Amino acid sequence: MSYAGPGAGAAAWLKAYADAGASHLVLRFAVDHERHLETVARLRRDLGW
């Protein structure tokens, strides 16, 4: 599966996997990896992971 969109939507998308029992998530970014890593780090903090 893939996701493209705003950070808030990404948080919900990732949380759905965690809620379904996923304990590990593998993310692959297209372009601007540093910016995406910062966004995911913020989402992780916001979700309390």
PDB file of N, CA and C in Angstrom:
ATOM      1  N   MET A   1       0.847  -1.172   0.000  1.00  0.00           N
ATOM      2  CA  MET A   1       0.000   0.000   0.000  1.00  0.00           C
ATOM      3  C   MET A   1       0.895   1.238   0.000  1.00  0.00           C
ATOM      4  N   SER A   2       0.344   2.309  -0.465  1.00  0.00           N
ATOM      5  CA  SER A   2       1.096   3.561  -0.459  1.00  0.00           C
ATOM      6  C   SER A   2       0.185   4.696  -0.020  1.00  0.00           C
ATOM      7  N   TYR A   3       0.818   5.757   0.413  1.00  0.00           N
ATOM      8  CA  TYR A   3       0.087   6.938   0.862  1.00  0.00           C
ATOM      9  C   TYR A   3       0.733   8.172   0.263  1.00  0.00           C
ATOM     10  N   ALA A   4      -0.086   9.094  -0.171  1.00  0.00           N
ATOM     11  CA  ALA A   4       0.385  10.401  -0.627  1.00  0.00           C
ATOM     12  C   ALA A   4      -0.619  11.421  -0.127  1.00  0.00           C
ATOM     13  N   GLY A   5      -0.153  12.395   0.624  1.00  0.00           N
ATOM     14  CA  GLY A   5      -1.056  13.412   1.138  1.00  0.00           C
ATOM     15  C   GLY A   5      -0.466  14.096   2.346  1.00  0.00           C
ATOM     16  N   PRO A   6      -1.300  14.850   3.063  1.00  0.00           N
ATOM     17  CA  PRO A   6      -0.822  15.623   4.217  1.00  0.00           C
ATOM     18  C   PRO A   6      -0.454  14.738   5.414  1.00  0.00           C
ATOM     19  N   GLY A   7       0.333  15.331   6.307  1.00  0.00           N
ATOM     20  CA  GLY A   7       0.786  14.610   7.489  1.00  0.00           C
ATOM     21  C   GLY A   7      -0.330  14.062   8.353  1.00  0.00           C
ATOM     22  N   ALA A   8      -1.407  14.809   8.516  1.00  0.00           N
ATOM     23  CA  ALA A   8      -2.519  14.334   9.353  1.00  0.00           C
ATOM     24  C   ALA A   8      -3.117  13.056   8.779  1.00  0.00           C
ATOM     25  N   GLY A   9      -3.220  12.995   7.485  1.00  0.00           N
ATOM     26  CA  GLY A   9      -3.731  11.785   6.845  1.00  0.00           C
ATOM     27  C   GLY A   9      -2.759  10.631   7.001  1.00  0.00           C
ATOM     28  N   ALA A  10      -1.466  10.923   6.942  1.00  0.00           N
ATOM     29  CA  ALA A  10      -0.451   9.892   7.125  1.00  0.00           C
ATOM     30  C   ALA A  10      -0.529   9.305   8.525  1.00  0.00           C
ATOM     31  N   ALA A  11      -0.775  10.154   9.512  1.00  0.00           N
ATOM     32  CA  ALA A  11      -0.894   9.677  10.891  1.00  0.00           C
ATOM     33  C   ALA A  11      -2.049   8.692  11.005  1.00  0.00           C
ATOM     34  N   ALA A  12      -3.181   9.017  10.441  1.00  0.00           N
ATOM     35  CA  ALA A  12      -4.344   8.120  10.490  1.00  0.00           C
ATOM     36  C   ALA A  12      -4.056   6.830   9.736  1.00  0.00           C
ATOM     37  N   TRP A  13      -3.388   6.928   8.598  1.00  0.00           N
ATOM     38  CA  TRP A  13      -3.065   5.769   7.773  1.00  0.00           C
ATOM     39  C   TRP A  13      -2.132   4.822   8.526  1.00  0.00           C
ATOM     40  N   LEU A  14      -1.079   5.371   9.141  1.00  0.00           N
ATOM     41  CA  LEU A  14      -0.143   4.552   9.903  1.00  0.00           C
ATOM     42  C   LEU A  14      -0.789   3.972  11.161  1.00  0.00           C
ATOM     43  N   LYS A  15      -1.605   4.770  11.824  1.00  0.00           N
ATOM     44  CA  LYS A  15      -2.282   4.313  13.046  1.00  0.00           C
ATOM     45  C   LYS A  15      -3.208   3.139  12.756  1.00  0.00           C
ATOM     46  N   ALA A  16      -3.839   3.137  11.599  1.00  0.00           N
ATOM     47  CA  ALA A  16      -4.725   2.024  11.237  1.00  0.00           C
ATOM     48  C   ALA A  16      -3.947   0.705  11.190  1.00  0.00           C
ATOM     49  N   TYR A  17      -2.722   0.743  10.677  1.00  0.00           N
ATOM     50  CA  TYR A  17      -1.893  -0.465  10.664  1.00  0.00           C
ATOM     51  C   TYR A  17      -1.543  -0.888  12.082  1.00  0.00           C
ATOM     52  N   ALA A  18      -1.153   0.067  12.914  1.00  0.00           N
ATOM     53  CA  ALA A  18      -0.807  -0.244  14.301  1.00  0.00           C
ATOM     54  C   ALA A  18      -2.019  -0.791  15.046  1.00  0.00           C
ATOM     55  N   ASP A  19      -3.170  -0.183  14.827  1.00  0.00           N
ATOM     56  CA  ASP A  19      -4.394  -0.647  15.486  1.00  0.00           C
ATOM     57  C   ASP A  19      -4.772  -2.064  15.049  1.00  0.00           C
ATOM     58  N   ALA A  20      -4.375  -2.433  13.839  1.00  0.00           N
ATOM     59  CA  ALA A  20      -4.662  -3.771  13.321  1.00  0.00           C
ATOM     60  C   ALA A  20      -3.639  -4.798  13.805  1.00  0.00           C
ATOM     61  N   GLY A  21      -2.628  -4.336  14.559  1.00  0.00           N
ATOM     62  CA  GLY A  21      -1.673  -5.261  15.148  1.00  0.00           C
ATOM     63  C   GLY A  21      -0.262  -5.192  14.603  1.00  0.00           C
ATOM     64  N   ALA A  22       0.011  -4.320  13.658  1.00  0.00           N
ATOM     65  CA  ALA A  22       1.370  -4.206  13.127  1.00  0.00           C
ATOM     66  C   ALA A  22       2.307  -3.693  14.217  1.00  0.00           C
ATOM     67  N   SER A  23       3.441  -4.335  14.367  1.00  0.00           N
ATOM     68  CA  SER A  23       4.417  -3.875  15.355  1.00  0.00           C
ATOM     69  C   SER A  23       5.631  -3.239  14.693  1.00  0.00           C
ATOM     70  N   HIS A  24       5.773  -3.422  13.385  1.00  0.00           N
ATOM     71  CA  HIS A  24       6.858  -2.816  12.623  1.00  0.00           C
ATOM     72  C   HIS A  24       6.286  -2.253  11.329  1.00  0.00           C
ATOM     73  N   LEU A  25       6.718  -1.073  10.975  1.00  0.00           N
ATOM     74  CA  LEU A  25       6.300  -0.439   9.730  1.00  0.00           C
ATOM     75  C   LEU A  25       7.545  -0.076   8.936  1.00  0.00           C
ATOM     76  N   VAL A  26       7.539  -0.360   7.659  1.00  0.00           N
ATOM     77  CA  VAL A  26       8.650  -0.014   6.783  1.00  0.00           C
ATOM     78  C   VAL A  26       8.153   1.092   5.859  1.00  0.00           C
ATOM     79  N   LEU A  27       8.850   2.215   5.886  1.00  0.00           N
ATOM     80  CA  LEU A  27       8.444   3.368   5.088  1.00  0.00           C
ATOM     81  C   LEU A  27       9.478   3.636   4.010  1.00  0.00           C
ATOM     82  N   ARG A  28       9.011   3.975   2.843  1.00  0.00           N
ATOM     83  CA  ARG A  28       9.891   4.342   1.734  1.00  0.00           C
ATOM     84  C   ARG A  28       9.436   5.699   1.230  1.00  0.00           C
ATOM     85  N   PHE A  29      10.367   6.623   1.141  1.00  0.00           N
ATOM     86  CA  PHE A  29      10.035   7.989   0.749  1.00  0.00           C
ATOM     87  C   PHE A  29      10.473   8.276  -0.678  1.00  0.00           C
ATOM     88  N   ALA A  30       9.672   9.044  -1.362  1.00  0.00           N
ATOM     89  CA  ALA A  30      10.041   9.537  -2.686  1.00  0.00           C
ATOM     90  C   ALA A  30      10.484  10.985  -2.536  1.00  0.00           C
ATOM     91  N   VAL A  31      11.697  11.260  -2.945  1.00  0.00           N
ATOM     92  CA  VAL A  31      12.246  12.619  -2.925  1.00  0.00           C
ATOM     93  C   VAL A  31      12.348  13.161  -1.492  1.00  0.00           C
ATOM     94  N   ASP A  32      13.091  14.177  -1.272  1.00  0.00           N
ATOM     95  CA  ASP A  32      13.233  14.945  -0.026  1.00  0.00           C
ATOM     96  C   ASP A  32      13.140  14.092   1.245  1.00  0.00           C
ATOM     97  N   HIS A  33      14.033  13.127   1.352  1.00  0.00           N
ATOM     98  CA  HIS A  33      14.007  12.183   2.464  1.00  0.00           C
ATOM     99  C   HIS A  33      14.103  12.848   3.832  1.00  0.00           C
ATOM    100  N   GLU A  34      14.955  13.847   3.965  1.00  0.00           N
ATOM    101  CA  GLU A  34      15.119  14.519   5.262  1.00  0.00           C
ATOM    102  C   GLU A  34      13.803  15.129   5.738  1.00  0.00           C
ATOM    103  N   ARG A  35      13.095  15.793   4.856  1.00  0.00           N
ATOM    104  CA  ARG A  35      11.821  16.413   5.224  1.00  0.00           C
ATOM    105  C   ARG A  35      10.819  15.345   5.644  1.00  0.00           C
ATOM    106  N   HIS A  36      10.776  14.241   4.913  1.00  0.00           N
ATOM    107  CA  HIS A  36       9.839  13.174   5.250  1.00  0.00           C
ATOM    108  C   HIS A  36      10.201  12.509   6.579  1.00  0.00           C
ATOM    109  N   LEU A  37      11.489  12.320   6.828  1.00  0.00           N
ATOM    110  CA  LEU A  37      11.910  11.752   8.108  1.00  0.00           C
ATOM    111  C   LEU A  37      11.509  12.657   9.270  1.00  0.00           C
ATOM    112  N   GLU A  38      11.655  13.965   9.094  1.00  0.00           N
ATOM    113  CA  GLU A  38      11.237  14.913  10.133  1.00  0.00           C
ATOM    114  C   GLU A  38       9.723  14.829  10.355  1.00  0.00           C
ATOM    115  N   THR A  39       8.962  14.738   9.281  1.00  0.00           N
ATOM    116  CA  THR A  39       7.505  14.640   9.397  1.00  0.00           C
ATOM    117  C   THR A  39       7.108  13.370  10.130  1.00  0.00           C
ATOM    118  N   VAL A  40       7.718  12.243   9.782  1.00  0.00           N
ATOM    119  CA  VAL A  40       7.387  10.970  10.433  1.00  0.00           C
ATOM    120  C   VAL A  40       7.809  10.997  11.901  1.00  0.00           C
ATOM    121  N   ALA A  41       8.937  11.612  12.209  1.00  0.00           N
ATOM    122  CA  ALA A  41       9.358  11.726  13.611  1.00  0.00           C
ATOM    123  C   ALA A  41       8.333  12.525  14.406  1.00  0.00           C
ATOM    124  N   ARG A  42       7.811  13.594  13.816  1.00  0.00           N
ATOM    125  CA  ARG A  42       6.782  14.395  14.486  1.00  0.00           C
ATOM    126  C   ARG A  42       5.494  13.586  14.666  1.00  0.00           C
ATOM    127  N   LEU A  43       5.095  12.855  13.633  1.00  0.00           N
ATOM    128  CA  LEU A  43       3.893  12.018  13.734  1.00  0.00           C
ATOM    129  C   LEU A  43       4.066  10.962  14.818  1.00  0.00           C
ATOM    130  N   ARG A  44       5.249  10.393  14.881  1.00  0.00           N
ATOM    131  CA  ARG A  44       5.534   9.380  15.896  1.00  0.00           C
ATOM    132  C   ARG A  44       5.362   9.949  17.296  1.00  0.00           C
ATOM    133  N   ARG A  45       5.902  11.132  17.516  1.00  0.00           N
ATOM    134  CA  ARG A  45       5.730  11.795  18.821  1.00  0.00           C
ATOM    135  C   ARG A  45       4.261  12.074  19.095  1.00  0.00           C
ATOM    136  N   ASP A  46       3.560  12.595  18.083  1.00  0.00           N
ATOM    137  CA  ASP A  46       2.155  12.938  18.259  1.00  0.00           C
ATOM    138  C   ASP A  46       1.298  11.709  18.572  1.00  0.00           C
ATOM    139  N   LEU A  47       1.658  10.567  17.996  1.00  0.00           N
ATOM    140  CA  LEU A  47       0.899   9.332  18.233  1.00  0.00           C
ATOM    141  C   LEU A  47       1.333   8.635  19.515  1.00  0.00           C
ATOM    142  N   GLY A  48       2.408   9.128  20.132  1.00  0.00           N
ATOM    143  CA  GLY A  48       2.872   8.532  21.393  1.00  0.00           C
ATOM    144  C   GLY A  48       3.622   7.229  21.212  1.00  0.00           C
ATOM    145  N   TRP A  49       4.255   7.052  20.064  1.00  0.00           N
ATOM    146  CA  TRP A  49       5.014   5.817  19.805  1.00  0.00           C
ATOM    147  C   TRP A  49       6.431   5.979  20.206  1.00  0.00           C
TER     148      TRP A  49
END
